[in-house]
Amino acid sequence: MNPLLLSRFSSTSGWSLTLFLLAAGSAVHAQSHPSIVGNVRTAAGAPLEFATITLHRATDSTVVATEFSDDKGAFRLAQATAGHYLVSASQVGFVRQWSKPFDVATEAVTLPPLTLPASGATALKEVTVVGQRPMFERLADRTVVNVEGSTLAAGNSSLDVLTRSPGVTVDSNNNLSLGASKAYWC
């Protein structure tokens, strides 16, 4: 290394310049991005975990940042630039809530708790799931005829049901044929 450069850096003015730059850089970084903190609760006061927290510009509701609340309902929106904002909180089964508009300057902003009431649209009293098998199921090695509850089964014998099934033919001696193969009715 150049001895002339080394002697200049080790002088008192070199150290002063280095300390000044470090202090100035730390002050600029600390002032440029304050955070927004708060928490989300249910109407009963319980913490609402993993709610979606969205930071919006107050002027046009443009989304600036999105975060989730933690398992205690707390959230932190880091690195917000100076401006006028709104925060919304939402969760499935709850009504979305909005904060009042607030300003972010150089210090962290702590919002009052956002309370989300339960949504009446998702409160179900009873659910009944009804399913029905298809009349004909084509499997790899066979065709299944599901006649339970069908009009084919009402008042007919199993031979009558098979006669009306696709791919089944019955001759005059009540012998069944399935496509090319032949089966015998007992």
N, C-alpha and C. Protein backbone atom coordinates (compact mmCIF):
# COMPACT_ATOMS: atom_id res chain seq x y z
N MET A 1 0.85 -1.17 0.00
CA MET A 1 0.00 0.00 0.00
C MET A 1 0.89 1.23 0.00
N ASN A 2 0.40 2.29 -0.60
CA ASN A 2 1.16 3.53 -0.71
C ASN A 2 1.37 4.14 0.67
N PRO A 3 2.65 4.38 1.09
CA PRO A 3 2.89 4.94 2.42
C PRO A 3 2.32 6.33 2.58
N LEU A 4 2.25 7.12 1.50
CA LEU A 4 1.70 8.46 1.58
C LEU A 4 0.20 8.41 1.90
N LEU A 5 -0.54 7.47 1.23
CA LEU A 5 -1.98 7.30 1.46
C LEU A 5 -2.24 6.83 2.88
N LEU A 6 -1.42 5.89 3.38
CA LEU A 6 -1.58 5.36 4.72
C LEU A 6 -1.37 6.44 5.77
N SER A 7 -0.39 7.31 5.56
CA SER A 7 -0.14 8.37 6.54
C SER A 7 -1.27 9.39 6.54
N ARG A 8 -1.89 9.65 5.39
CA ARG A 8 -3.01 10.59 5.34
C ARG A 8 -4.24 10.03 6.06
N PHE A 9 -4.53 8.71 5.86
CA PHE A 9 -5.70 8.11 6.46
C PHE A 9 -5.57 8.02 7.97
N SER A 10 -4.38 7.79 8.43
CA SER A 10 -4.18 7.64 9.87
C SER A 10 -4.09 8.97 10.60
N SER A 11 -4.16 10.05 9.88
CA SER A 11 -4.11 11.35 10.55
C SER A 11 -5.42 11.61 11.28
N THR A 12 -5.45 12.58 12.11
CA THR A 12 -6.61 12.92 12.92
C THR A 12 -7.78 13.35 12.04
N SER A 13 -7.53 14.07 10.98
CA SER A 13 -8.62 14.52 10.12
C SER A 13 -9.28 13.35 9.40
N GLY A 14 -8.52 12.30 9.07
CA GLY A 14 -9.07 11.11 8.42
C GLY A 14 -10.05 10.39 9.33
N TRP A 15 -9.69 10.25 10.59
CA TRP A 15 -10.58 9.60 11.55
C TRP A 15 -11.81 10.45 11.82
N SER A 16 -11.65 11.72 11.84
CA SER A 16 -12.79 12.61 12.06
C SER A 16 -13.80 12.49 10.93
N LEU A 17 -13.27 12.44 9.71
CA LEU A 17 -14.14 12.31 8.54
C LEU A 17 -14.89 10.97 8.57
N THR A 18 -14.20 9.90 8.92
CA THR A 18 -14.82 8.57 8.99
C THR A 18 -15.93 8.55 10.04
N LEU A 19 -15.67 9.07 11.23
CA LEU A 19 -16.69 9.10 12.29
C LEU A 19 -17.88 9.95 11.89
N PHE A 20 -17.64 11.08 11.21
CA PHE A 20 -18.73 11.94 10.77
C PHE A 20 -19.63 11.22 9.77
N LEU A 21 -19.02 10.52 8.81
CA LEU A 21 -19.81 9.80 7.80
C LEU A 21 -20.63 8.67 8.43
N LEU A 22 -20.06 7.95 9.38
CA LEU A 22 -20.81 6.88 10.05
C LEU A 22 -21.99 7.44 10.84
N ALA A 23 -21.80 8.52 11.56
CA ALA A 23 -22.87 9.13 12.34
C ALA A 23 -23.96 9.69 11.45
N ALA A 24 -23.58 10.33 10.35
CA ALA A 24 -24.56 10.90 9.43
C ALA A 24 -25.36 9.80 8.76
N GLY A 25 -24.73 8.73 8.37
CA GLY A 25 -25.43 7.61 7.72
C GLY A 25 -26.41 6.95 8.66
N SER A 26 -26.04 6.80 9.94
CA SER A 26 -26.96 6.19 10.91
C SER A 26 -28.16 7.08 11.15
N ALA A 27 -27.96 8.39 11.23
CA ALA A 27 -29.08 9.31 11.48
C ALA A 27 -30.04 9.32 10.31
N VAL A 28 -29.51 9.30 9.08
CA VAL A 28 -30.38 9.29 7.90
C VAL A 28 -31.18 8.00 7.84
N HIS A 29 -30.55 6.87 8.13
CA HIS A 29 -31.25 5.58 8.07
C HIS A 29 -32.33 5.51 9.15
N ALA A 30 -32.07 6.00 10.33
CA ALA A 30 -33.05 5.94 11.41
C ALA A 30 -34.25 6.83 11.14
N GLN A 31 -34.08 7.93 10.42
CA GLN A 31 -35.16 8.86 10.19
C GLN A 31 -35.97 8.55 8.93
N SER A 32 -35.44 7.77 8.02
CA SER A 32 -36.10 7.62 6.72
C SER A 32 -37.25 6.62 6.70
N HIS A 33 -37.28 5.65 7.60
CA HIS A 33 -38.30 4.60 7.51
C HIS A 33 -38.88 4.25 8.87
N PRO A 34 -39.80 5.05 9.39
CA PRO A 34 -40.44 4.67 10.65
C PRO A 34 -41.42 3.52 10.42
N SER A 35 -41.80 2.84 11.48
CA SER A 35 -42.72 1.71 11.36
C SER A 35 -44.09 2.07 11.91
N ILE A 36 -45.08 1.25 11.52
CA ILE A 36 -46.45 1.40 12.00
C ILE A 36 -46.79 0.11 12.73
N VAL A 37 -47.18 0.23 14.00
CA VAL A 37 -47.47 -0.96 14.79
C VAL A 37 -48.89 -0.87 15.35
N GLY A 38 -49.46 -2.02 15.65
CA GLY A 38 -50.80 -2.08 16.22
C GLY A 38 -51.18 -3.52 16.48
N ASN A 39 -52.45 -3.75 16.83
CA ASN A 39 -52.93 -5.11 17.02
C ASN A 39 -54.38 -5.22 16.57
N VAL A 40 -54.78 -6.47 16.33
CA VAL A 40 -56.13 -6.77 15.83
C VAL A 40 -56.80 -7.71 16.82
N ARG A 41 -58.06 -7.41 17.14
CA ARG A 41 -58.83 -8.19 18.12
C ARG A 41 -60.19 -8.57 17.55
N THR A 42 -60.78 -9.61 18.10
CA THR A 42 -62.17 -9.96 17.78
C THR A 42 -63.06 -9.07 18.63
N ALA A 43 -64.36 -9.10 18.37
CA ALA A 43 -65.30 -8.32 19.17
C ALA A 43 -65.30 -8.75 20.62
N ALA A 44 -64.93 -10.01 20.88
CA ALA A 44 -64.86 -10.52 22.26
C ALA A 44 -63.56 -10.13 22.94
N GLY A 45 -62.62 -9.52 22.20
CA GLY A 45 -61.36 -9.09 22.78
C GLY A 45 -60.21 -10.06 22.61
N ALA A 46 -60.46 -11.19 21.98
CA ALA A 46 -59.40 -12.17 21.76
C ALA A 46 -58.50 -11.72 20.61
N PRO A 47 -57.20 -12.01 20.66
CA PRO A 47 -56.32 -11.63 19.55
C PRO A 47 -56.71 -12.38 18.28
N LEU A 48 -56.64 -11.69 17.16
CA LEU A 48 -57.00 -12.29 15.87
C LEU A 48 -55.71 -12.59 15.12
N GLU A 49 -55.34 -13.86 15.10
CA GLU A 49 -54.08 -14.24 14.49
C GLU A 49 -54.19 -14.36 12.97
N PHE A 50 -53.11 -13.99 12.31
CA PHE A 50 -52.94 -14.10 10.86
C PHE A 50 -54.00 -13.34 10.07
N ALA A 51 -54.44 -12.21 10.60
CA ALA A 51 -55.33 -11.32 9.85
C ALA A 51 -54.48 -10.58 8.82
N THR A 52 -55.09 -10.21 7.71
CA THR A 52 -54.38 -9.47 6.66
C THR A 52 -54.44 -7.98 6.99
N ILE A 53 -53.28 -7.38 7.14
CA ILE A 53 -53.16 -5.95 7.46
C ILE A 53 -52.64 -5.26 6.20
N THR A 54 -53.35 -4.25 5.73
CA THR A 54 -52.97 -3.57 4.50
C THR A 54 -52.82 -2.08 4.77
N LEU A 55 -51.69 -1.53 4.33
CA LEU A 55 -51.41 -0.10 4.45
C LEU A 55 -51.82 0.56 3.14
N HIS A 56 -52.69 1.59 3.21
CA HIS A 56 -53.20 2.30 2.04
C HIS A 56 -52.82 3.77 2.12
N ARG A 57 -52.61 4.40 0.98
CA ARG A 57 -52.50 5.86 0.96
C ARG A 57 -53.89 6.42 1.24
N ALA A 58 -53.96 7.43 2.07
CA ALA A 58 -55.26 8.00 2.45
C ALA A 58 -55.91 8.75 1.29
N THR A 59 -55.13 9.28 0.38
CA THR A 59 -55.69 10.09 -0.71
C THR A 59 -56.46 9.26 -1.72
N ASP A 60 -55.95 8.07 -2.08
CA ASP A 60 -56.60 7.28 -3.14
C ASP A 60 -56.75 5.79 -2.80
N SER A 61 -56.46 5.39 -1.59
CA SER A 61 -56.57 4.00 -1.11
C SER A 61 -55.66 3.03 -1.86
N THR A 62 -54.61 3.53 -2.48
CA THR A 62 -53.64 2.67 -3.15
C THR A 62 -52.93 1.82 -2.10
N VAL A 63 -52.76 0.52 -2.40
CA VAL A 63 -52.08 -0.37 -1.47
C VAL A 63 -50.59 -0.08 -1.49
N VAL A 64 -50.02 0.15 -0.31
CA VAL A 64 -48.60 0.45 -0.17
C VAL A 64 -47.85 -0.77 0.34
N ALA A 65 -48.42 -1.45 1.32
CA ALA A 65 -47.77 -2.63 1.90
C ALA A 65 -48.83 -3.54 2.51
N THR A 66 -48.49 -4.83 2.61
CA THR A 66 -49.39 -5.82 3.21
C THR A 66 -48.58 -6.67 4.17
N GLU A 67 -49.19 -7.02 5.28
CA GLU A 67 -48.53 -7.83 6.31
C GLU A 67 -49.59 -8.67 7.00
N PHE A 68 -49.18 -9.68 7.77
CA PHE A 68 -50.10 -10.50 8.56
C PHE A 68 -49.86 -10.23 10.04
N SER A 69 -50.92 -10.32 10.82
CA SER A 69 -50.76 -10.22 12.27
C SER A 69 -50.16 -11.53 12.77
N ASP A 70 -49.47 -11.47 13.90
CA ASP A 70 -48.87 -12.68 14.45
C ASP A 70 -49.89 -13.45 15.30
N ASP A 71 -49.44 -14.46 16.02
CA ASP A 71 -50.36 -15.29 16.80
C ASP A 71 -50.95 -14.56 18.00
N LYS A 72 -50.43 -13.37 18.33
CA LYS A 72 -50.99 -12.55 19.42
C LYS A 72 -51.80 -11.38 18.87
N GLY A 73 -52.01 -11.35 17.56
CA GLY A 73 -52.79 -10.28 16.93
C GLY A 73 -51.99 -9.03 16.64
N ALA A 74 -50.70 -9.01 16.95
CA ALA A 74 -49.87 -7.82 16.74
C ALA A 74 -49.37 -7.77 15.29
N PHE A 75 -49.20 -6.55 14.78
CA PHE A 75 -48.63 -6.38 13.44
C PHE A 75 -47.64 -5.23 13.45
N ARG A 76 -46.75 -5.24 12.46
CA ARG A 76 -45.75 -4.20 12.29
C ARG A 76 -45.52 -4.00 10.80
N LEU A 77 -45.81 -2.81 10.33
CA LEU A 77 -45.55 -2.44 8.94
C LEU A 77 -44.27 -1.61 8.95
N ALA A 78 -43.17 -2.20 8.53
CA ALA A 78 -41.87 -1.55 8.61
C ALA A 78 -41.60 -0.72 7.36
N GLN A 79 -40.73 0.22 7.50
CA GLN A 79 -40.22 1.04 6.40
C GLN A 79 -41.30 1.80 5.65
N ALA A 80 -42.17 2.45 6.38
CA ALA A 80 -43.16 3.32 5.75
C ALA A 80 -42.54 4.69 5.54
N THR A 81 -42.69 5.23 4.36
CA THR A 81 -42.17 6.57 4.10
C THR A 81 -43.15 7.60 4.64
N ALA A 82 -42.68 8.83 4.77
CA ALA A 82 -43.53 9.90 5.29
C ALA A 82 -44.74 10.08 4.39
N GLY A 83 -45.91 10.28 5.00
CA GLY A 83 -47.13 10.46 4.22
C GLY A 83 -48.37 10.33 5.08
N HIS A 84 -49.54 10.35 4.41
CA HIS A 84 -50.86 10.27 5.04
C HIS A 84 -51.45 8.91 4.67
N TYR A 85 -51.79 8.06 5.66
CA TYR A 85 -52.15 6.67 5.41
C TYR A 85 -53.44 6.25 6.13
N LEU A 86 -53.93 5.07 5.72
CA LEU A 86 -55.01 4.31 6.37
C LEU A 86 -54.53 2.87 6.49
N VAL A 87 -55.02 2.15 7.50
CA VAL A 87 -54.73 0.72 7.63
C VAL A 87 -56.06 -0.02 7.64
N SER A 88 -56.14 -1.12 6.87
CA SER A 88 -57.33 -1.97 6.93
C SER A 88 -56.91 -3.34 7.45
N ALA A 89 -57.83 -3.99 8.17
CA ALA A 89 -57.60 -5.33 8.69
C ALA A 89 -58.76 -6.20 8.26
N SER A 90 -58.44 -7.40 7.76
CA SER A 90 -59.50 -8.32 7.31
C SER A 90 -59.10 -9.75 7.64
N GLN A 91 -60.12 -10.58 7.77
CA GLN A 91 -59.93 -12.00 8.06
C GLN A 91 -61.21 -12.71 7.62
N VAL A 92 -61.08 -13.92 7.11
CA VAL A 92 -62.25 -14.69 6.70
C VAL A 92 -63.16 -14.90 7.91
N GLY A 93 -64.45 -14.60 7.75
CA GLY A 93 -65.41 -14.76 8.83
C GLY A 93 -65.60 -13.50 9.66
N PHE A 94 -64.90 -12.41 9.29
CA PHE A 94 -65.00 -11.15 10.02
C PHE A 94 -65.21 -10.01 9.04
N VAL A 95 -65.78 -8.91 9.54
CA VAL A 95 -66.02 -7.72 8.73
C VAL A 95 -64.74 -6.88 8.70
N ARG A 96 -64.33 -6.43 7.51
CA ARG A 96 -63.13 -5.59 7.37
C ARG A 96 -63.30 -4.30 8.15
N GLN A 97 -62.24 -3.87 8.82
CA GLN A 97 -62.24 -2.63 9.57
C GLN A 97 -61.12 -1.72 9.08
N TRP A 98 -61.36 -0.41 9.16
CA TRP A 98 -60.39 0.60 8.71
C TRP A 98 -59.99 1.47 9.89
N SER A 99 -58.74 1.87 9.92
CA SER A 99 -58.28 2.83 10.93
C SER A 99 -58.66 4.22 10.47
N LYS A 100 -58.55 5.17 11.38
CA LYS A 100 -58.72 6.57 10.99
C LYS A 100 -57.45 7.00 10.26
N PRO A 101 -57.54 7.98 9.37
CA PRO A 101 -56.34 8.44 8.67
C PRO A 101 -55.30 8.96 9.67
N PHE A 102 -54.03 8.71 9.38
CA PHE A 102 -52.94 9.15 10.25
C PHE A 102 -51.75 9.55 9.40
N ASP A 103 -50.85 10.32 10.01
CA ASP A 103 -49.65 10.78 9.33
C ASP A 103 -48.43 10.04 9.85
N VAL A 104 -47.53 9.71 8.93
CA VAL A 104 -46.24 9.13 9.28
C VAL A 104 -45.19 10.18 8.97
N ALA A 105 -44.37 10.49 9.95
CA ALA A 105 -43.31 11.48 9.75
C ALA A 105 -41.97 10.79 10.00
N THR A 106 -41.34 11.09 11.11
CA THR A 106 -40.02 10.53 11.40
C THR A 106 -40.03 9.51 12.52
N GLU A 107 -41.13 9.42 13.28
CA GLU A 107 -41.19 8.49 14.40
C GLU A 107 -42.19 7.37 14.13
N ALA A 108 -42.05 6.27 14.86
CA ALA A 108 -42.96 5.13 14.74
C ALA A 108 -44.37 5.56 15.16
N VAL A 109 -45.35 4.98 14.51
CA VAL A 109 -46.76 5.27 14.79
C VAL A 109 -47.39 4.03 15.42
N THR A 110 -48.05 4.22 16.57
CA THR A 110 -48.78 3.13 17.21
C THR A 110 -50.27 3.40 17.05
N LEU A 111 -50.96 2.49 16.37
CA LEU A 111 -52.39 2.63 16.12
C LEU A 111 -53.20 2.06 17.26
N PRO A 112 -54.41 2.59 17.50
CA PRO A 112 -55.30 1.95 18.48
C PRO A 112 -55.72 0.58 17.96
N PRO A 113 -56.11 -0.34 18.84
CA PRO A 113 -56.50 -1.69 18.38
C PRO A 113 -57.65 -1.65 17.37
N LEU A 114 -57.54 -2.49 16.36
CA LEU A 114 -58.61 -2.65 15.37
C LEU A 114 -59.45 -3.84 15.80
N THR A 115 -60.76 -3.62 16.01
CA THR A 115 -61.67 -4.67 16.46
C THR A 115 -62.52 -5.11 15.28
N LEU A 116 -62.45 -6.40 14.95
CA LEU A 116 -63.21 -6.95 13.84
C LEU A 116 -64.40 -7.73 14.35
N PRO A 117 -65.64 -7.29 14.05
CA PRO A 117 -66.81 -8.07 14.44
C PRO A 117 -67.00 -9.27 13.50
N ALA A 118 -67.63 -10.30 14.00
CA ALA A 118 -67.89 -11.49 13.20
C ALA A 118 -68.89 -11.15 12.09
N SER A 119 -68.69 -11.75 10.94
CA SER A 119 -69.58 -11.52 9.80
C SER A 119 -70.80 -12.43 9.92
N GLY A 120 -71.98 -11.88 9.75
CA GLY A 120 -73.21 -12.68 9.79
C GLY A 120 -73.38 -13.53 8.56
N ALA A 121 -72.70 -13.17 7.47
CA ALA A 121 -72.85 -13.92 6.22
C ALA A 121 -72.21 -15.29 6.29
N THR A 122 -71.25 -15.49 7.17
CA THR A 122 -70.58 -16.78 7.24
C THR A 122 -71.02 -17.62 8.44
N ALA A 123 -71.96 -17.13 9.22
CA ALA A 123 -72.44 -17.90 10.37
C ALA A 123 -73.52 -18.86 9.89
N LEU A 124 -73.17 -20.14 9.79
CA LEU A 124 -74.11 -21.15 9.31
C LEU A 124 -74.73 -21.87 10.50
N LYS A 125 -76.02 -22.16 10.39
CA LYS A 125 -76.70 -22.90 11.44
C LYS A 125 -76.63 -24.40 11.17
N GLU A 126 -76.78 -24.77 9.91
CA GLU A 126 -76.81 -26.19 9.57
C GLU A 126 -76.40 -26.35 8.12
N VAL A 127 -75.69 -27.43 7.84
CA VAL A 127 -75.30 -27.74 6.47
C VAL A 127 -75.68 -29.19 6.19
N THR A 128 -76.33 -29.41 5.08
CA THR A 128 -76.69 -30.75 4.65
C THR A 128 -76.06 -30.99 3.29
N VAL A 129 -75.23 -32.02 3.21
CA VAL A 129 -74.57 -32.37 1.96
C VAL A 129 -75.30 -33.58 1.38
N VAL A 130 -75.79 -33.43 0.17
CA VAL A 130 -76.54 -34.49 -0.49
C VAL A 130 -75.78 -34.89 -1.75
N GLY A 131 -75.57 -36.16 -1.90
CA GLY A 131 -74.88 -36.65 -3.08
C GLY A 131 -75.61 -37.86 -3.64
N GLN A 132 -75.44 -38.11 -4.91
CA GLN A 132 -76.08 -39.25 -5.54
C GLN A 132 -75.09 -39.85 -6.53
N ARG A 133 -74.98 -41.14 -6.49
CA ARG A 133 -74.11 -41.82 -7.44
C ARG A 133 -74.70 -41.74 -8.83
N PRO A 134 -73.86 -41.71 -9.83
CA PRO A 134 -74.40 -41.71 -11.20
C PRO A 134 -75.05 -43.05 -11.51
N MET A 135 -76.00 -43.03 -12.43
CA MET A 135 -76.72 -44.25 -12.78
C MET A 135 -75.77 -45.32 -13.34
N PHE A 136 -74.85 -44.93 -14.22
CA PHE A 136 -73.91 -45.87 -14.84
C PHE A 136 -72.48 -45.38 -14.59
N GLU A 137 -71.64 -46.27 -14.06
CA GLU A 137 -70.23 -45.95 -13.85
C GLU A 137 -69.40 -46.87 -14.72
N ARG A 138 -68.53 -46.28 -15.49
CA ARG A 138 -67.65 -47.07 -16.37
C ARG A 138 -66.29 -47.16 -15.70
N LEU A 139 -65.93 -48.33 -15.19
CA LEU A 139 -64.64 -48.57 -14.57
C LEU A 139 -63.74 -49.28 -15.57
N ALA A 140 -62.49 -49.47 -15.21
CA ALA A 140 -61.52 -50.08 -16.13
C ALA A 140 -61.90 -51.50 -16.52
N ASP A 141 -62.42 -52.26 -15.57
CA ASP A 141 -62.71 -53.66 -15.86
C ASP A 141 -64.19 -54.01 -15.87
N ARG A 142 -65.07 -53.02 -15.63
CA ARG A 142 -66.49 -53.34 -15.58
C ARG A 142 -67.34 -52.08 -15.69
N THR A 143 -68.63 -52.30 -15.92
CA THR A 143 -69.61 -51.23 -15.90
C THR A 143 -70.53 -51.49 -14.72
N VAL A 144 -70.72 -50.48 -13.88
CA VAL A 144 -71.55 -50.62 -12.69
C VAL A 144 -72.85 -49.87 -12.94
N VAL A 145 -73.98 -50.55 -12.66
CA VAL A 145 -75.30 -49.94 -12.77
C VAL A 145 -75.81 -49.71 -11.36
N ASN A 146 -75.94 -48.44 -10.98
CA ASN A 146 -76.44 -48.07 -9.65
C ASN A 146 -77.93 -47.79 -9.78
N VAL A 147 -78.75 -48.74 -9.31
CA VAL A 147 -80.19 -48.62 -9.48
C VAL A 147 -80.91 -48.17 -8.22
N GLU A 148 -80.18 -48.04 -7.12
CA GLU A 148 -80.83 -47.65 -5.87
C GLU A 148 -81.39 -46.23 -6.00
N GLY A 149 -82.68 -46.09 -5.73
CA GLY A 149 -83.34 -44.79 -5.79
C GLY A 149 -83.68 -44.33 -7.20
N SER A 150 -83.47 -45.16 -8.22
CA SER A 150 -83.78 -44.73 -9.59
C SER A 150 -85.17 -45.23 -10.00
N THR A 151 -85.67 -44.67 -11.05
CA THR A 151 -86.98 -45.10 -11.56
C THR A 151 -86.89 -46.47 -12.22
N LEU A 152 -85.68 -46.90 -12.61
CA LEU A 152 -85.53 -48.24 -13.20
C LEU A 152 -85.85 -49.34 -12.17
N ALA A 153 -85.50 -49.09 -10.92
CA ALA A 153 -85.67 -50.12 -9.90
C ALA A 153 -87.10 -50.22 -9.40
N ALA A 154 -87.89 -49.18 -9.57
CA ALA A 154 -89.24 -49.16 -9.02
C ALA A 154 -90.12 -50.16 -9.75
N GLY A 155 -90.50 -51.24 -9.08
CA GLY A 155 -91.44 -52.22 -9.61
C GLY A 155 -90.87 -53.14 -10.67
N ASN A 156 -89.57 -53.14 -10.91
CA ASN A 156 -88.96 -54.00 -11.94
C ASN A 156 -88.06 -55.03 -11.29
N SER A 157 -87.90 -56.13 -12.00
CA SER A 157 -86.98 -57.16 -11.53
C SER A 157 -85.57 -56.76 -11.96
N SER A 158 -84.57 -57.46 -11.42
CA SER A 158 -83.18 -57.16 -11.78
C SER A 158 -82.93 -57.47 -13.25
N LEU A 159 -83.63 -58.43 -13.84
CA LEU A 159 -83.48 -58.71 -15.26
C LEU A 159 -84.02 -57.56 -16.10
N ASP A 160 -85.13 -56.95 -15.67
CA ASP A 160 -85.67 -55.78 -16.38
C ASP A 160 -84.70 -54.60 -16.32
N VAL A 161 -84.08 -54.44 -15.16
CA VAL A 161 -83.11 -53.35 -15.00
C VAL A 161 -81.92 -53.58 -15.91
N LEU A 162 -81.41 -54.82 -15.94
CA LEU A 162 -80.27 -55.13 -16.80
C LEU A 162 -80.61 -54.99 -18.27
N THR A 163 -81.83 -55.28 -18.65
CA THR A 163 -82.25 -55.14 -20.04
C THR A 163 -82.16 -53.69 -20.49
N ARG A 164 -82.42 -52.77 -19.61
CA ARG A 164 -82.40 -51.34 -19.94
C ARG A 164 -81.02 -50.70 -19.75
N SER A 165 -80.04 -51.48 -19.32
CA SER A 165 -78.69 -50.95 -19.09
C SER A 165 -77.92 -50.87 -20.40
N PRO A 166 -77.02 -49.89 -20.54
CA PRO A 166 -76.27 -49.76 -21.80
C PRO A 166 -75.29 -50.90 -22.00
N GLY A 167 -75.18 -51.38 -23.21
CA GLY A 167 -74.25 -52.44 -23.55
C GLY A 167 -74.72 -53.83 -23.19
N VAL A 168 -75.96 -53.97 -22.67
CA VAL A 168 -76.48 -55.27 -22.26
C VAL A 168 -77.61 -55.65 -23.20
N THR A 169 -77.53 -56.85 -23.71
CA THR A 169 -78.64 -57.37 -24.54
C THR A 169 -79.12 -58.69 -23.93
N VAL A 170 -80.43 -58.89 -24.01
CA VAL A 170 -81.04 -60.10 -23.48
C VAL A 170 -81.78 -60.76 -24.64
N ASP A 171 -81.45 -62.04 -24.88
CA ASP A 171 -82.14 -62.73 -25.99
C ASP A 171 -83.44 -63.35 -25.48
N SER A 172 -84.13 -64.10 -26.31
CA SER A 172 -85.42 -64.67 -25.97
C SER A 172 -85.32 -65.74 -24.88
N ASN A 173 -84.13 -66.31 -24.68
CA ASN A 173 -83.94 -67.32 -23.63
C ASN A 173 -83.41 -66.70 -22.33
N ASN A 174 -83.47 -65.36 -22.22
CA ASN A 174 -82.96 -64.61 -21.07
C ASN A 174 -81.46 -64.78 -20.85
N ASN A 175 -80.72 -64.98 -21.94
CA ASN A 175 -79.26 -64.99 -21.87
C ASN A 175 -78.76 -63.55 -22.01
N LEU A 176 -77.83 -63.17 -21.18
CA LEU A 176 -77.28 -61.82 -21.20
C LEU A 176 -76.02 -61.77 -22.04
N SER A 177 -75.89 -60.70 -22.79
CA SER A 177 -74.66 -60.44 -23.53
C SER A 177 -74.18 -59.05 -23.18
N LEU A 178 -72.91 -58.95 -22.75
CA LEU A 178 -72.29 -57.66 -22.44
C LEU A 178 -71.26 -57.39 -23.53
N GLY A 179 -71.61 -56.59 -24.50
CA GLY A 179 -70.70 -56.32 -25.60
C GLY A 179 -70.46 -57.59 -26.37
N ALA A 180 -69.18 -58.09 -26.40
CA ALA A 180 -68.83 -59.31 -27.12
C ALA A 180 -68.88 -60.53 -26.23
N SER A 181 -68.88 -60.37 -24.90
CA SER A 181 -68.89 -61.52 -24.02
C SER A 181 -70.32 -61.94 -23.70
N LYS A 182 -70.48 -63.17 -23.31
CA LYS A 182 -71.81 -63.70 -23.05
C LYS A 182 -71.89 -64.15 -21.59
N ALA A 183 -73.00 -63.83 -20.93
CA ALA A 183 -73.23 -64.25 -19.55
C ALA A 183 -74.57 -64.98 -19.52
N TYR A 184 -74.75 -65.83 -18.55
CA TYR A 184 -75.98 -66.60 -18.45
C TYR A 184 -76.72 -66.20 -17.18
N TRP A 185 -78.03 -66.01 -17.33
CA TRP A 185 -78.90 -65.64 -16.22
C TRP A 185 -79.36 -66.90 -15.53
N CYS A 186 -79.22 -66.90 -14.24
CA CYS A 186 -79.64 -68.07 -13.47
C CYS A 186 -81.00 -67.87 -12.88
